[in-house]
Amino acid sequence: MDLKLKPFDFNQALAKAGMGPDGQPLARARAVSAPAAVGSTTAVDKGGFQNAMAQALRQVSDAQNETGRLQRELQLDNPTVSLEQTMVAMQKSQLGFQAVLSVRNRMVQAYTDVMNMQV
């Protein structure tokens, strides 16, 4: 089996992760470098939290489906699917799921805190 690994490109990995060269998220870096005008709306403002959460859930679901597909292809010895590609997809879907789960847990905790407040 001939295994060839490509050299790791940190800048490309940061860009795919939505991070700038300084390690800060691109959205935050843009907000700091060019503040939005007062009264302007961003994509998050237009969609709201519900749409952002639904989009995140869709993306996590798609990532998990893609991971499952890659795992099946790897088990069937498909030469176009590598072990590295499959492992990276597994880690991405796991991180995405953990992030969505963390947001869900925080939402439940906030709801519980509000419900326990005395009026």
PDB file of N, CA and C in Angstrom:
ATOM      1  N   MET A   1       0.847  -1.179   0.000  1.00  0.00           N
ATOM      2  CA  MET A   1       0.000   0.000   0.000  1.00  0.00           C
ATOM      3  C   MET A   1       0.887   1.234   0.000  1.00  0.00           C
ATOM      4  N   ASP A   2       0.702   2.079  -0.976  1.00  0.00           N
ATOM      5  CA  ASP A   2       1.492   3.292  -1.117  1.00  0.00           C
ATOM      6  C   ASP A   2       0.746   4.433  -0.433  1.00  0.00           C
ATOM      7  N   LEU A   3       1.318   4.961   0.642  1.00  0.00           N
ATOM      8  CA  LEU A   3       0.670   6.009   1.418  1.00  0.00           C
ATOM      9  C   LEU A   3       1.465   7.293   1.276  1.00  0.00           C
ATOM     10  N   LYS A   4       0.834   8.320   0.726  1.00  0.00           N
ATOM     11  CA  LYS A   4       1.485   9.613   0.568  1.00  0.00           C
ATOM     12  C   LYS A   4       0.678  10.655   1.316  1.00  0.00           C
ATOM     13  N   LEU A   5       1.353  11.409   2.153  1.00  0.00           N
ATOM     14  CA  LEU A   5       0.704  12.466   2.912  1.00  0.00           C
ATOM     15  C   LEU A   5       1.113  13.815   2.352  1.00  0.00           C
ATOM     16  N   LYS A   6       0.156  14.709   2.262  1.00  0.00           N
ATOM     17  CA  LYS A   6       0.452  16.062   1.820  1.00  0.00           C
ATOM     18  C   LYS A   6       0.988  16.854   3.008  1.00  0.00           C
ATOM     19  N   PRO A   7       1.865  17.829   2.775  1.00  0.00           N
ATOM     20  CA  PRO A   7       2.321  18.668   3.883  1.00  0.00           C
ATOM     21  C   PRO A   7       1.142  19.475   4.429  1.00  0.00           C
ATOM     22  N   PHE A   8       1.132  19.663   5.731  1.00  0.00           N
ATOM     23  CA  PHE A   8       0.026  20.364   6.378  1.00  0.00           C
ATOM     24  C   PHE A   8       0.188  21.868   6.194  1.00  0.00           C
ATOM     25  N   ASP A   9      -0.851  22.513   5.703  1.00  0.00           N
ATOM     26  CA  ASP A   9      -0.851  23.954   5.482  1.00  0.00           C
ATOM     27  C   ASP A   9      -1.688  24.609   6.580  1.00  0.00           C
ATOM     28  N   PHE A  10      -1.012  25.253   7.550  1.00  0.00           N
ATOM     29  CA  PHE A  10      -1.709  25.845   8.679  1.00  0.00           C
ATOM     30  C   PHE A  10      -2.621  26.990   8.259  1.00  0.00           C
ATOM     31  N   ASN A  11      -2.182  27.806   7.299  1.00  0.00           N
ATOM     32  CA  ASN A  11      -3.017  28.924   6.857  1.00  0.00           C
ATOM     33  C   ASN A  11      -4.305  28.435   6.213  1.00  0.00           C
ATOM     34  N   GLN A  12      -4.209  27.381   5.424  1.00  0.00           N
ATOM     35  CA  GLN A  12      -5.408  26.823   4.793  1.00  0.00           C
ATOM     36  C   GLN A  12      -6.335  26.230   5.858  1.00  0.00           C
ATOM     37  N   ALA A  13      -5.768  25.560   6.852  1.00  0.00           N
ATOM     38  CA  ALA A  13      -6.581  24.983   7.923  1.00  0.00           C
ATOM     39  C   ALA A  13      -7.278  26.078   8.722  1.00  0.00           C
ATOM     40  N   LEU A  14      -6.559  27.169   9.005  1.00  0.00           N
ATOM     41  CA  LEU A  14      -7.178  28.286   9.721  1.00  0.00           C
ATOM     42  C   LEU A  14      -8.300  28.905   8.904  1.00  0.00           C
ATOM     43  N   ALA A  15      -8.088  29.057   7.603  1.00  0.00           N
ATOM     44  CA  ALA A  15      -9.116  29.643   6.742  1.00  0.00           C
ATOM     45  C   ALA A  15     -10.352  28.753   6.696  1.00  0.00           C
ATOM     46  N   LYS A  16     -10.159  27.440   6.599  1.00  0.00           N
ATOM     47  CA  LYS A  16     -11.300  26.525   6.577  1.00  0.00           C
ATOM     48  C   LYS A  16     -12.034  26.519   7.906  1.00  0.00           C
ATOM     49  N   ALA A  17     -11.321  26.766   8.993  1.00  0.00           N
ATOM     50  CA  ALA A  17     -11.943  26.800  10.312  1.00  0.00           C
ATOM     51  C   ALA A  17     -12.580  28.149  10.604  1.00  0.00           C
ATOM     52  N   GLY A  18     -12.459  29.095   9.669  1.00  0.00           N
ATOM     53  CA  GLY A  18     -13.056  30.410   9.876  1.00  0.00           C
ATOM     54  C   GLY A  18     -12.220  31.293  10.783  1.00  0.00           C
ATOM     55  N   MET A  19     -10.919  31.056  10.807  1.00  0.00           N
ATOM     56  CA  MET A  19     -10.026  31.827  11.670  1.00  0.00           C
ATOM     57  C   MET A  19      -9.070  32.643  10.812  1.00  0.00           C
ATOM     58  N   GLY A  20      -8.667  33.769  11.345  1.00  0.00           N
ATOM     59  CA  GLY A  20      -7.674  34.587  10.681  1.00  0.00           C
ATOM     60  C   GLY A  20      -6.280  34.103  11.028  1.00  0.00           C
ATOM     61  N   PRO A  21      -5.245  34.679  10.409  1.00  0.00           N
ATOM     62  CA  PRO A  21      -3.871  34.260  10.695  1.00  0.00           C
ATOM     63  C   PRO A  21      -3.473  34.473  12.152  1.00  0.00           C
ATOM     64  N   ASP A  22      -4.159  35.402  12.836  1.00  0.00           N
ATOM     65  CA  ASP A  22      -3.853  35.662  14.236  1.00  0.00           C
ATOM     66  C   ASP A  22      -4.571  34.705  15.183  1.00  0.00           C
ATOM     67  N   GLY A  23      -5.395  33.793  14.636  1.00  0.00           N
ATOM     68  CA  GLY A  23      -6.107  32.825  15.459  1.00  0.00           C
ATOM     69  C   GLY A  23      -7.466  33.295  15.924  1.00  0.00           C
ATOM     70  N   GLN A  24      -7.841  34.514  15.578  1.00  0.00           N
ATOM     71  CA  GLN A  24      -9.150  35.048  15.954  1.00  0.00           C
ATOM     72  C   GLN A  24     -10.181  34.659  14.904  1.00  0.00           C
ATOM     73  N   PRO A  25     -11.432  34.447  15.315  1.00  0.00           N
ATOM     74  CA  PRO A  25     -12.474  34.152  14.319  1.00  0.00           C
ATOM     75  C   PRO A  25     -12.582  35.282  13.306  1.00  0.00           C
ATOM     76  N   LEU A  26     -12.826  34.924  12.040  1.00  0.00           N
ATOM     77  CA  LEU A  26     -12.900  35.934  10.986  1.00  0.00           C
ATOM     78  C   LEU A  26     -14.011  36.938  11.236  1.00  0.00           C
ATOM     79  N   ALA A  27     -15.146  36.505  11.750  1.00  0.00           N
ATOM     80  CA  ALA A  27     -16.252  37.428  12.009  1.00  0.00           C
ATOM     81  C   ALA A  27     -15.825  38.476  13.025  1.00  0.00           C
ATOM     82  N   ARG A  28     -15.105  38.045  14.063  1.00  0.00           N
ATOM     83  CA  ARG A  28     -14.653  38.983  15.083  1.00  0.00           C
ATOM     84  C   ARG A  28     -13.568  39.893  14.516  1.00  0.00           C
ATOM     85  N   ALA A  29     -12.676  39.322  13.715  1.00  0.00           N
ATOM     86  CA  ALA A  29     -11.607  40.128  13.122  1.00  0.00           C
ATOM     87  C   ALA A  29     -12.190  41.198  12.209  1.00  0.00           C
ATOM     88  N   ARG A  30     -13.208  40.849  11.426  1.00  0.00           N
ATOM     89  CA  ARG A  30     -13.849  41.834  10.560  1.00  0.00           C
ATOM     90  C   ARG A  30     -14.568  42.890  11.381  1.00  0.00           C
ATOM     91  N   ALA A  31     -15.218  42.471  12.469  1.00  0.00           N
ATOM     92  CA  ALA A  31     -15.960  43.420  13.290  1.00  0.00           C
ATOM     93  C   ALA A  31     -15.010  44.419  13.942  1.00  0.00           C
ATOM     94  N   VAL A  32     -13.832  43.953  14.345  1.00  0.00           N
ATOM     95  CA  VAL A  32     -12.871  44.848  14.971  1.00  0.00           C
ATOM     96  C   VAL A  32     -12.257  45.781  13.936  1.00  0.00           C
ATOM     97  N   SER A  33     -11.939  45.254  12.758  1.00  0.00           N
ATOM     98  CA  SER A  33     -11.267  46.069  11.760  1.00  0.00           C
ATOM     99  C   SER A  33     -12.209  47.044  11.076  1.00  0.00           C
ATOM    100  N   ALA A  34     -13.457  46.660  10.873  1.00  0.00           N
ATOM    101  CA  ALA A  34     -14.414  47.536  10.206  1.00  0.00           C
ATOM    102  C   ALA A  34     -15.758  47.446  10.914  1.00  0.00           C
ATOM    103  N   PRO A  35     -15.972  48.302  11.928  1.00  0.00           N
ATOM    104  CA  PRO A  35     -17.233  48.229  12.651  1.00  0.00           C
ATOM    105  C   PRO A  35     -18.407  48.572  11.744  1.00  0.00           C
ATOM    106  N   ALA A  36     -19.524  47.902  11.986  1.00  0.00           N
ATOM    107  CA  ALA A  36     -20.719  48.123  11.177  1.00  0.00           C
ATOM    108  C   ALA A  36     -21.341  49.468  11.527  1.00  0.00           C
ATOM    109  N   ALA A  37     -21.994  50.049  10.556  1.00  0.00           N
ATOM    110  CA  ALA A  37     -22.672  51.319  10.774  1.00  0.00           C
ATOM    111  C   ALA A  37     -23.856  51.105  11.709  1.00  0.00           C
ATOM    112  N   VAL A  38     -24.190  52.145  12.454  1.00  0.00           N
ATOM    113  CA  VAL A  38     -25.315  52.066  13.371  1.00  0.00           C
ATOM    114  C   VAL A  38     -26.591  51.859  12.570  1.00  0.00           C
ATOM    115  N   GLY A  39     -27.404  50.903  13.000  1.00  0.00           N
ATOM    116  CA  GLY A  39     -28.656  50.638  12.315  1.00  0.00           C
ATOM    117  C   GLY A  39     -28.543  49.618  11.206  1.00  0.00           C
ATOM    118  N   SER A  40     -27.324  49.195  10.868  1.00  0.00           N
ATOM    119  CA  SER A  40     -27.185  48.191   9.816  1.00  0.00           C
ATOM    120  C   SER A  40     -27.433  46.814  10.412  1.00  0.00           C
ATOM    121  N   THR A  41     -27.874  45.888   9.578  1.00  0.00           N
ATOM    122  CA  THR A  41     -28.143  44.538  10.050  1.00  0.00           C
ATOM    123  C   THR A  41     -27.147  43.584   9.422  1.00  0.00           C
ATOM    124  N   THR A  42     -26.789  42.583  10.190  1.00  0.00           N
ATOM    125  CA  THR A  42     -25.894  41.547   9.683  1.00  0.00           C
ATOM    126  C   THR A  42     -26.717  40.310   9.367  1.00  0.00           C
ATOM    127  N   ALA A  43     -26.069  39.290   8.854  1.00  0.00           N
ATOM    128  CA  ALA A  43     -26.773  38.058   8.486  1.00  0.00           C
ATOM    129  C   ALA A  43     -27.416  37.407   9.707  1.00  0.00           C
ATOM    130  N   VAL A  44     -26.748  37.487  10.862  1.00  0.00           N
ATOM    131  CA  VAL A  44     -27.299  36.884  12.070  1.00  0.00           C
ATOM    132  C   VAL A  44     -28.522  37.658  12.534  1.00  0.00           C
ATOM    133  N   ASP A  45     -28.461  38.996  12.436  1.00  0.00           N
ATOM    134  CA  ASP A  45     -29.594  39.803  12.857  1.00  0.00           C
ATOM    135  C   ASP A  45     -30.826  39.500  12.019  1.00  0.00           C
ATOM    136  N   LYS A  46     -30.646  39.303  10.734  1.00  0.00           N
ATOM    137  CA  LYS A  46     -31.782  39.046   9.854  1.00  0.00           C
ATOM    138  C   LYS A  46     -32.397  37.685  10.137  1.00  0.00           C
ATOM    139  N   GLY A  47     -31.564  36.684  10.386  1.00  0.00           N
ATOM    140  CA  GLY A  47     -32.059  35.326  10.563  1.00  0.00           C
ATOM    141  C   GLY A  47     -32.509  35.034  11.977  1.00  0.00           C
ATOM    142  N   GLY A  48     -31.851  35.612  12.950  1.00  0.00           N
ATOM    143  CA  GLY A  48     -32.178  35.343  14.333  1.00  0.00           C
ATOM    144  C   GLY A  48     -31.529  34.070  14.842  1.00  0.00           C
ATOM    145  N   PHE A  49     -31.678  33.875  16.142  1.00  0.00           N
ATOM    146  CA  PHE A  49     -31.042  32.733  16.793  1.00  0.00           C
ATOM    147  C   PHE A  49     -31.639  31.418  16.314  1.00  0.00           C
ATOM    148  N   GLN A  50     -32.943  31.398  16.119  1.00  0.00           N
ATOM    149  CA  GLN A  50     -33.597  30.161  15.689  1.00  0.00           C
ATOM    150  C   GLN A  50     -33.043  29.676  14.353  1.00  0.00           C
ATOM    151  N   ASN A  51     -32.897  30.586  13.406  1.00  0.00           N
ATOM    152  CA  ASN A  51     -32.359  30.203  12.099  1.00  0.00           C
ATOM    153  C   ASN A  51     -30.894  29.795  12.194  1.00  0.00           C
ATOM    154  N   ALA A  52     -30.132  30.497  13.038  1.00  0.00           N
ATOM    155  CA  ALA A  52     -28.719  30.143  13.207  1.00  0.00           C
ATOM    156  C   ALA A  52     -28.585  28.748  13.817  1.00  0.00           C
ATOM    157  N   MET A  53     -29.429  28.447  14.793  1.00  0.00           N
ATOM    158  CA  MET A  53     -29.381  27.129  15.427  1.00  0.00           C
ATOM    159  C   MET A  53     -29.831  26.040  14.449  1.00  0.00           C
ATOM    160  N   ALA A  54     -30.872  26.320  13.678  1.00  0.00           N
ATOM    161  CA  ALA A  54     -31.344  25.347  12.687  1.00  0.00           C
ATOM    162  C   ALA A  54     -30.267  25.084  11.637  1.00  0.00           C
ATOM    163  N   GLN A  55     -29.575  26.139  11.217  1.00  0.00           N
ATOM    164  CA  GLN A  55     -28.505  25.979  10.234  1.00  0.00           C
ATOM    165  C   GLN A  55     -27.355  25.162  10.830  1.00  0.00           C
ATOM    166  N   ALA A  56     -27.015  25.420  12.085  1.00  0.00           N
ATOM    167  CA  ALA A  56     -25.945  24.661  12.738  1.00  0.00           C
ATOM    168  C   ALA A  56     -26.320  23.186  12.848  1.00  0.00           C
ATOM    169  N   LEU A  57     -27.572  22.914  13.199  1.00  0.00           N
ATOM    170  CA  LEU A  57     -28.020  21.521  13.288  1.00  0.00           C
ATOM    171  C   LEU A  57     -27.962  20.834  11.928  1.00  0.00           C
ATOM    172  N   ARG A  58     -28.356  21.562  10.879  1.00  0.00           N
ATOM    173  CA  ARG A  58     -28.299  21.005   9.529  1.00  0.00           C
ATOM    174  C   ARG A  58     -26.858  20.685   9.136  1.00  0.00           C
ATOM    175  N   GLN A  59     -25.949  21.605   9.449  1.00  0.00           N
ATOM    176  CA  GLN A  59     -24.547  21.398   9.098  1.00  0.00           C
ATOM    177  C   GLN A  59     -23.952  20.210   9.854  1.00  0.00           C
ATOM    178  N   VAL A  60     -24.299  20.076  11.132  1.00  0.00           N
ATOM    179  CA  VAL A  60     -23.806  18.943  11.918  1.00  0.00           C
ATOM    180  C   VAL A  60     -24.373  17.640  11.366  1.00  0.00           C
ATOM    181  N   SER A  61     -25.647  17.652  11.030  1.00  0.00           N
ATOM    182  CA  SER A  61     -26.266  16.453  10.453  1.00  0.00           C
ATOM    183  C   SER A  61     -25.604  16.078   9.130  1.00  0.00           C
ATOM    184  N   ASP A  62     -25.355  17.074   8.286  1.00  0.00           N
ATOM    185  CA  ASP A  62     -24.686  16.814   7.010  1.00  0.00           C
ATOM    186  C   ASP A  62     -23.279  16.262   7.230  1.00  0.00           C
ATOM    187  N   ALA A  63     -22.561  16.827   8.211  1.00  0.00           N
ATOM    188  CA  ALA A  63     -21.205  16.354   8.502  1.00  0.00           C
ATOM    189  C   ALA A  63     -21.236  14.909   8.996  1.00  0.00           C
ATOM    190  N   GLN A  64     -22.214  14.575   9.837  1.00  0.00           N
ATOM    191  CA  GLN A  64     -22.315  13.203  10.326  1.00  0.00           C
ATOM    192  C   GLN A  64     -22.683  12.240   9.201  1.00  0.00           C
ATOM    193  N   ASN A  65     -23.565  12.671   8.314  1.00  0.00           N
ATOM    194  CA  ASN A  65     -23.916  11.824   7.168  1.00  0.00           C
ATOM    195  C   ASN A  65     -22.713  11.600   6.258  1.00  0.00           C
ATOM    196  N   GLU A  66     -21.951  12.657   6.024  1.00  0.00           N
ATOM    197  CA  GLU A  66     -20.747  12.548   5.193  1.00  0.00           C
ATOM    198  C   GLU A  66     -19.725  11.620   5.853  1.00  0.00           C
ATOM    199  N   THR A  67     -19.594  11.723   7.172  1.00  0.00           N
ATOM    200  CA  THR A  67     -18.676  10.842   7.898  1.00  0.00           C
ATOM    201  C   THR A  67     -19.093   9.385   7.749  1.00  0.00           C
ATOM    202  N   GLY A  68     -20.378   9.127   7.883  1.00  0.00           N
ATOM    203  CA  GLY A  68     -20.875   7.763   7.710  1.00  0.00           C
ATOM    204  C   GLY A  68     -20.605   7.236   6.315  1.00  0.00           C
ATOM    205  N   ARG A  69     -20.792   8.093   5.311  1.00  0.00           N
ATOM    206  CA  ARG A  69     -20.525   7.697   3.928  1.00  0.00           C
ATOM    207  C   ARG A  69     -19.048   7.369   3.742  1.00  0.00           C
ATOM    208  N   LEU A  70     -18.175   8.236   4.286  1.00  0.00           N
ATOM    209  CA  LEU A  70     -16.734   8.001   4.155  1.00  0.00           C
ATOM    210  C   LEU A  70     -16.314   6.715   4.864  1.00  0.00           C
ATOM    211  N   GLN A  71     -16.905   6.453   6.028  1.00  0.00           N
ATOM    212  CA  GLN A  71     -16.576   5.225   6.745  1.00  0.00           C
ATOM    213  C   GLN A  71     -16.978   3.994   5.939  1.00  0.00           C
ATOM    214  N   ARG A  72     -18.166   4.029   5.343  1.00  0.00           N
ATOM    215  CA  ARG A  72     -18.603   2.899   4.514  1.00  0.00           C
ATOM    216  C   ARG A  72     -17.670   2.707   3.320  1.00  0.00           C
ATOM    217  N   GLU A  73     -17.328   3.821   2.668  1.00  0.00           N
ATOM    218  CA  GLU A  73     -16.444   3.733   1.503  1.00  0.00           C
ATOM    219  C   GLU A  73     -15.069   3.191   1.893  1.00  0.00           C
ATOM    220  N   LEU A  74     -14.574   3.603   3.058  1.00  0.00           N
ATOM    221  CA  LEU A  74     -13.276   3.113   3.523  1.00  0.00           C
ATOM    222  C   LEU A  74     -13.337   1.613   3.812  1.00  0.00           C
ATOM    223  N   GLN A  75     -14.431   1.163   4.409  1.00  0.00           N
ATOM    224  CA  GLN A  75     -14.583  -0.264   4.700  1.00  0.00           C
ATOM    225  C   GLN A  75     -14.683  -1.091   3.423  1.00  0.00           C
ATOM    226  N   LEU A  76     -15.206  -0.480   2.364  1.00  0.00           N
ATOM    227  CA  LEU A  76     -15.323  -1.182   1.085  1.00  0.00           C
ATOM    228  C   LEU A  76     -14.051  -1.060   0.247  1.00  0.00           C
ATOM    229  N   ASP A  77     -12.990  -0.511   0.844  1.00  0.00           N
ATOM    230  CA  ASP A  77     -11.690  -0.344   0.187  1.00  0.00           C
ATOM    231  C   ASP A  77     -11.766   0.513  -1.065  1.00  0.00           C
ATOM    232  N   ASN A  78     -12.522   1.584  -0.997  1.00  0.00           N
ATOM    233  CA  ASN A  78     -12.587   2.540  -2.106  1.00  0.00           C
ATOM    234  C   ASN A  78     -11.248   3.274  -2.172  1.00  0.00           C
ATOM    235  N   PRO A  79     -10.543   3.227  -3.291  1.00  0.00           N
ATOM    236  CA  PRO A  79      -9.220   3.852  -3.372  1.00  0.00           C
ATOM    237  C   PRO A  79      -9.266   5.382  -3.336  1.00  0.00           C
ATOM    238  N   THR A  80     -10.425   5.981  -3.559  1.00  0.00           N
ATOM    239  CA  THR A  80     -10.505   7.447  -3.559  1.00  0.00           C
ATOM    240  C   THR A  80     -10.707   8.017  -2.165  1.00  0.00           C
ATOM    241  N   VAL A  81     -10.973   7.165  -1.175  1.00  0.00           N
ATOM    242  CA  VAL A  81     -11.203   7.624   0.195  1.00  0.00           C
ATOM    243  C   VAL A  81     -10.027   7.182   1.056  1.00  0.00           C
ATOM    244  N   SER A  82      -9.407   8.141   1.734  1.00  0.00           N
ATOM    245  CA  SER A  82      -8.254   7.811   2.573  1.00  0.00           C
ATOM    246  C   SER A  82      -8.664   7.747   4.041  1.00  0.00           C
ATOM    247  N   LEU A  83      -7.853   7.070   4.815  1.00  0.00           N
ATOM    248  CA  LEU A  83      -8.086   6.974   6.250  1.00  0.00           C
ATOM    249  C   LEU A  83      -8.006   8.353   6.892  1.00  0.00           C
ATOM    250  N   GLU A  84      -7.048   9.164   6.444  1.00  0.00           N
ATOM    251  CA  GLU A  84      -6.883  10.504   7.003  1.00  0.00           C
ATOM    252  C   GLU A  84      -8.122  11.354   6.760  1.00  0.00           C
ATOM    253  N   GLN A  85      -8.635  11.291   5.545  1.00  0.00           N
ATOM    254  CA  GLN A  85      -9.834  12.052   5.188  1.00  0.00           C
ATOM    255  C   GLN A  85     -11.012  11.620   6.068  1.00  0.00           C
ATOM    256  N   THR A  86     -11.143  10.333   6.293  1.00  0.00           N
ATOM    257  CA  THR A  86     -12.229   9.807   7.116  1.00  0.00           C
ATOM    258  C   THR A  86     -12.075  10.244   8.564  1.00  0.00           C
ATOM    259  N   MET A  87     -10.864  10.175   9.089  1.00  0.00           N
ATOM    260  CA  MET A  87     -10.625  10.565  10.481  1.00  0.00           C
ATOM    261  C   MET A  87     -10.879  12.052  10.689  1.00  0.00           C
ATOM    262  N   VAL A  88     -10.465  12.885   9.739  1.00  0.00           N
ATOM    263  CA  VAL A  88     -10.707  14.328   9.842  1.00  0.00           C
ATOM    264  C   VAL A  88     -12.207  14.604   9.811  1.00  0.00           C
ATOM    265  N   ALA A  89     -12.929  13.920   8.941  1.00  0.00           N
ATOM    266  CA  ALA A  89     -14.384  14.099   8.872  1.00  0.00           C
ATOM    267  C   ALA A  89     -15.043  13.667  10.177  1.00  0.00           C
ATOM    268  N   MET A  90     -14.546  12.589  10.776  1.00  0.00           N
ATOM    269  CA  MET A  90     -15.096  12.128  12.054  1.00  0.00           C
ATOM    270  C   MET A  90     -14.879  13.171  13.142  1.00  0.00           C
ATOM    271  N   GLN A  91     -13.681  13.750  13.187  1.00  0.00           N
ATOM    272  CA  GLN A  91     -13.385  14.756  14.201  1.00  0.00           C
ATOM    273  C   GLN A  91     -14.219  16.018  13.997  1.00  0.00           C
ATOM    274  N   LYS A  92     -14.397  16.428  12.738  1.00  0.00           N
ATOM    275  CA  LYS A  92     -15.212  17.608  12.448  1.00  0.00           C
ATOM    276  C   LYS A  92     -16.648  17.404  12.902  1.00  0.00           C
ATOM    277  N   SER A  93     -17.203  16.246  12.585  1.00  0.00           N
ATOM    278  CA  SER A  93     -18.594  16.006  12.968  1.00  0.00           C
ATOM    279  C   SER A  93     -18.726  15.881  14.481  1.00  0.00           C
ATOM    280  N   GLN A  94     -17.722  15.306  15.133  1.00  0.00           N
ATOM    281  CA  GLN A  94     -17.763  15.193  16.588  1.00  0.00           C
ATOM    282  C   GLN A  94     -17.678  16.568  17.244  1.00  0.00           C
ATOM    283  N   LEU A  95     -16.786  17.423  16.749  1.00  0.00           N
ATOM    284  CA  LEU A  95     -16.675  18.777  17.295  1.00  0.00           C
ATOM    285  C   LEU A  95     -17.952  19.578  17.078  1.00  0.00           C
ATOM    286  N   GLY A  96     -18.519  19.465  15.897  1.00  0.00           N
ATOM    287  CA  GLY A  96     -19.765  20.167  15.618  1.00  0.00           C
ATOM    288  C   GLY A  96     -20.884  19.711  16.527  1.00  0.00           C
ATOM    289  N   PHE A  97     -20.986  18.407  16.737  1.00  0.00           N
ATOM    290  CA  PHE A  97     -22.020  17.872  17.618  1.00  0.00           C
ATOM    291  C   PHE A  97     -21.814  18.352  19.045  1.00  0.00           C
ATOM    292  N   GLN A  98     -20.570  18.343  19.518  1.00  0.00           N
ATOM    293  CA  GLN A  98     -20.288  18.802  20.875  1.00  0.00           C
ATOM    294  C   GLN A  98     -20.620  20.282  21.041  1.00  0.00           C
ATOM    295  N   ALA A  99     -20.355  21.084  20.013  1.00  0.00           N
ATOM    296  CA  ALA A  99     -20.667  22.511  20.085  1.00  0.00           C
ATOM    297  C   ALA A  99     -22.173  22.737  20.154  1.00  0.00           C
ATOM    298  N   VAL A 100     -22.929  22.040  19.314  1.00  0.00           N
ATOM    299  CA  VAL A 100     -24.389  22.186  19.328  1.00  0.00           C
ATOM    300  C   VAL A 100     -24.952  21.675  20.646  1.00  0.00           C
ATOM    301  N   LEU A 101     -24.409  20.584  21.153  1.00  0.00           N
ATOM    302  CA  LEU A 101     -24.859  20.046  22.432  1.00  0.00           C
ATOM    303  C   LEU A 101     -24.574  21.026  23.564  1.00  0.00           C
ATOM    304  N   SER A 102     -23.430  21.679  23.517  1.00  0.00           N
ATOM    305  CA  SER A 102     -23.082  22.675  24.526  1.00  0.00           C
ATOM    306  C   SER A 102     -24.044  23.855  24.494  1.00  0.00           C
ATOM    307  N   VAL A 103     -24.393  24.314  23.294  1.00  0.00           N
ATOM    308  CA  VAL A 103     -25.362  25.412  23.171  1.00  0.00           C
ATOM    309  C   VAL A 103     -26.707  24.975  23.725  1.00  0.00           C
ATOM    310  N   ARG A 104     -27.119  23.755  23.396  1.00  0.00           N
ATOM    311  CA  ARG A 104     -28.393  23.244  23.905  1.00  0.00           C
ATOM    312  C   ARG A 104     -28.389  23.186  25.431  1.00  0.00           C
ATOM    313  N   ASN A 105     -27.295  22.706  26.021  1.00  0.00           N
ATOM    314  CA  ASN A 105     -27.203  22.619  27.475  1.00  0.00           C
ATOM    315  C   ASN A 105     -27.254  23.997  28.119  1.00  0.00           C
ATOM    316  N   ARG A 106     -26.602  24.970  27.493  1.00  0.00           N
ATOM    317  CA  ARG A 106     -26.652  26.337  28.025  1.00  0.00           C
ATOM    318  C   ARG A 106     -28.059  26.917  27.939  1.00  0.00           C
ATOM    319  N   MET A 107     -28.758  26.618  26.848  1.00  0.00           N
ATOM    320  CA  MET A 107     -30.136  27.094  26.694  1.00  0.00           C
ATOM    321  C   MET A 107     -31.040  26.486  27.769  1.00  0.00           C
ATOM    322  N   VAL A 108     -30.889  25.197  28.019  1.00  0.00           N
ATOM    323  CA  VAL A 108     -31.696  24.536  29.046  1.00  0.00           C
ATOM    324  C   VAL A 108     -31.372  25.119  30.412  1.00  0.00           C
ATOM    325  N   GLN A 109     -30.089  25.370  30.684  1.00  0.00           N
ATOM    326  CA  GLN A 109     -29.700  25.948  31.967  1.00  0.00           C
ATOM    327  C   GLN A 109     -30.258  27.359  32.124  1.00  0.00           C
ATOM    328  N   ALA A 110     -30.211  28.157  31.062  1.00  0.00           N
ATOM    329  CA  ALA A 110     -30.767  29.514  31.118  1.00  0.00           C
ATOM    330  C   ALA A 110     -32.270  29.466  31.351  1.00  0.00           C
ATOM    331  N   TYR A 111     -32.959  28.559  30.684  1.00  0.00           N
ATOM    332  CA  TYR A 111     -34.403  28.405  30.875  1.00  0.00           C
ATOM    333  C   TYR A 111     -34.706  28.018  32.317  1.00  0.00           C
ATOM    334  N   THR A 112     -33.930  27.080  32.859  1.00  0.00           N
ATOM    335  CA  THR A 112     -34.126  26.653  34.245  1.00  0.00           C
ATOM    336  C   THR A 112     -33.886  27.812  35.201  1.00  0.00           C
ATOM    337  N   ASP A 113     -32.853  28.600  34.958  1.00  0.00           N
ATOM    338  CA  ASP A 113     -32.562  29.755  35.808  1.00  0.00           C
ATOM    339  C   ASP A 113     -33.700  30.764  35.778  1.00  0.00           C
ATOM    340  N   VAL A 114     -34.238  31.030  34.599  1.00  0.00           N
ATOM    341  CA  VAL A 114     -35.346  31.985  34.483  1.00  0.00           C
ATOM    342  C   VAL A 114     -36.583  31.445  35.196  1.00  0.00           C
ATOM    343  N   MET A 115     -36.845  30.163  35.046  1.00  0.00           N
ATOM    344  CA  MET A 115     -38.024  29.571  35.688  1.00  0.00           C
ATOM    345  C   MET A 115     -37.902  29.559  37.205  1.00  0.00           C
ATOM    346  N   ASN A 116     -36.686  29.520  37.734  1.00  0.00           N
ATOM    347  CA  ASN A 116     -36.484  29.503  39.183  1.00  0.00           C
ATOM    348  C   ASN A 116     -36.453  30.899  39.792  1.00  0.00           C
ATOM    349  N   MET A 117     -36.492  31.941  38.968  1.00  0.00           N
ATOM    350  CA  MET A 117     -36.500  33.310  39.493  1.00  0.00           C
ATOM    351  C   MET A 117     -37.827  33.604  40.173  1.00  0.00           C
ATOM    352  N   GLN A 118     -37.737  34.329  41.276  1.00  0.00           N
ATOM    353  CA  GLN A 118     -38.965  34.732  41.959  1.00  0.00           C
ATOM    354  C   GLN A 118     -39.467  36.030  41.365  1.00  0.00           C
ATOM    355  N   VAL A 119     -40.775  36.092  41.202  1.00  0.00           N
ATOM    356  CA  VAL A 119     -41.370  37.283  40.591  1.00  0.00           C
ATOM    357  C   VAL A 119     -41.782  38.258  41.648  1.00  0.00           C
TER     358      VAL A 119
END
